[in-house]
Amino acid sequence: ALNEDIDDEVKAVLKDWLDNKEVGEGSRERADKVIKVLEEDNSEICKIILSDKEFLVKRSQWIFGGDGWAYDIGYGGLDHVLASNENINVLVFDTEV
């Protein structure tokens, strides 16, 4: 898209989004800015990007579970998820009675 014949402002906003797409903080604001400039541009590439605008905000991935599966060390459990270095949030409930 950056090589297409589109406005320089659109290119700058898209470049900023690409440079920061993995940063959660400010993701909503960057996505809103991208959507705003794309809606003001009538080029075909902008229309294509807008058709997937719901994917512009960085998603938060969560795993919820009880302490029973959290203790599943050595069986492909929580330790493998945490060791993967993926950006994921884990909430473990204390369900032991």
Protein backbone atom coordinates (compact mmCIF):
# COMPACT_ATOMS: atom_id res chain seq x y z
CA ALA A 1 0.00 0.00 0.00
CA LEU A 2 2.90 2.35 0.67
CA ASN A 3 3.92 2.19 -3.01
CA GLU A 4 0.41 2.88 -4.32
CA ASP A 5 -0.65 6.29 -5.62
CA ILE A 6 -2.27 7.44 -2.39
CA ASP A 7 -1.99 10.57 -0.28
CA ASP A 8 1.23 11.10 1.71
CA GLU A 9 -0.78 11.51 4.93
CA VAL A 10 -2.37 8.09 4.38
CA LYS A 11 1.07 6.58 3.78
CA ALA A 12 2.44 8.16 6.97
CA VAL A 13 -0.47 6.90 9.08
CA LEU A 14 -0.20 3.40 7.60
CA LYS A 15 3.56 3.36 8.21
CA ASP A 16 3.03 4.41 11.84
CA TRP A 17 0.47 1.60 12.25
CA LEU A 18 2.84 -0.96 10.68
CA ASP A 19 5.75 0.16 12.85
CA ASN A 20 3.64 -0.20 16.02
CA LYS A 21 1.16 -2.98 15.21
CA GLU A 22 2.50 -5.23 18.02
CA VAL A 23 2.34 -2.48 20.66
CA GLY A 24 -0.85 -2.71 22.69
CA GLU A 25 -0.65 0.75 24.22
CA GLY A 26 -2.14 3.26 21.80
CA SER A 27 -3.45 0.55 19.48
CA ARG A 28 -7.03 1.86 19.53
CA GLU A 29 -5.90 5.42 18.78
CA ARG A 30 -3.69 4.32 15.88
CA ALA A 31 -6.50 2.19 14.45
CA ASP A 32 -8.97 5.08 14.71
CA LYS A 33 -6.49 7.35 12.91
CA VAL A 34 -6.00 4.77 10.13
CA ILE A 35 -9.76 4.34 9.70
CA LYS A 36 -10.29 8.12 9.56
CA VAL A 37 -7.71 8.74 6.82
CA LEU A 38 -8.79 5.67 4.84
CA GLU A 39 -12.42 6.80 4.86
CA GLU A 40 -11.34 10.16 3.44
CA ASP A 41 -9.44 8.50 0.56
CA ASN A 42 -11.32 6.96 -2.37
CA SER A 43 -8.52 4.76 -3.69
CA GLU A 44 -9.21 1.07 -4.20
CA ILE A 45 -6.45 -0.05 -1.81
CA CYS A 46 -7.93 2.09 0.99
CA LYS A 47 -11.35 0.50 0.43
CA ILE A 48 -9.77 -2.96 0.63
CA ILE A 49 -7.98 -2.16 3.89
CA LEU A 50 -11.18 -0.66 5.34
CA SER A 51 -13.05 -3.89 4.64
CA ASP A 52 -10.90 -5.50 7.38
CA LYS A 53 -10.82 -2.55 9.78
CA GLU A 54 -11.85 -4.70 12.77
CA PHE A 55 -8.36 -6.24 12.67
CA LEU A 56 -6.51 -2.93 13.06
CA VAL A 57 -6.70 -2.95 16.88
CA LYS A 58 -4.23 -5.28 18.58
CA ARG A 59 -6.19 -8.05 20.24
CA SER A 60 -5.64 -9.17 23.80
CA GLN A 61 -5.36 -12.96 24.15
CA TRP A 62 -6.41 -14.51 27.46
CA ILE A 63 -6.38 -17.99 28.97
CA PHE A 64 -8.57 -18.62 32.02
CA GLY A 65 -8.32 -21.75 34.11
CA GLY A 66 -8.23 -23.33 37.52
CA ASP A 67 -5.17 -24.23 39.52
CA GLY A 68 -5.63 -27.91 38.63
CA TRP A 69 -4.55 -27.46 35.01
CA ALA A 70 -2.02 -24.80 36.00
CA TYR A 71 -0.09 -27.50 37.90
CA ASP A 72 0.07 -29.63 34.74
CA ILE A 73 3.84 -29.07 34.41
CA GLY A 74 5.50 -31.55 32.06
CA TYR A 75 2.34 -32.53 30.19
CA GLY A 76 2.20 -29.80 27.56
CA GLY A 77 0.40 -27.48 29.95
CA LEU A 78 0.82 -23.98 31.16
CA ASP A 79 4.63 -24.12 31.24
CA HIS A 80 4.74 -24.55 27.46
CA VAL A 81 2.40 -21.64 26.90
CA LEU A 82 4.49 -19.36 29.10
CA ALA A 83 7.76 -20.55 27.54
CA SER A 84 6.48 -19.77 24.03
CA ASN A 85 7.22 -16.04 24.49
CA GLU A 86 3.89 -15.22 22.88
CA ASN A 87 2.02 -12.14 24.07
CA ILE A 88 -0.69 -13.86 26.09
CA ASN A 89 -2.37 -13.19 29.42
CA VAL A 90 -3.09 -15.98 31.90
CA LEU A 91 -5.53 -15.83 34.81
CA VAL A 92 -5.42 -18.80 37.18
CA PHE A 93 -8.27 -19.23 39.65
CA ASP A 94 -7.67 -20.84 43.02
CA THR A 95 -10.23 -23.64 42.82
CA GLU A 96 -8.59 -26.01 45.30
CA VAL A 97 -11.01 -26.93 48.05
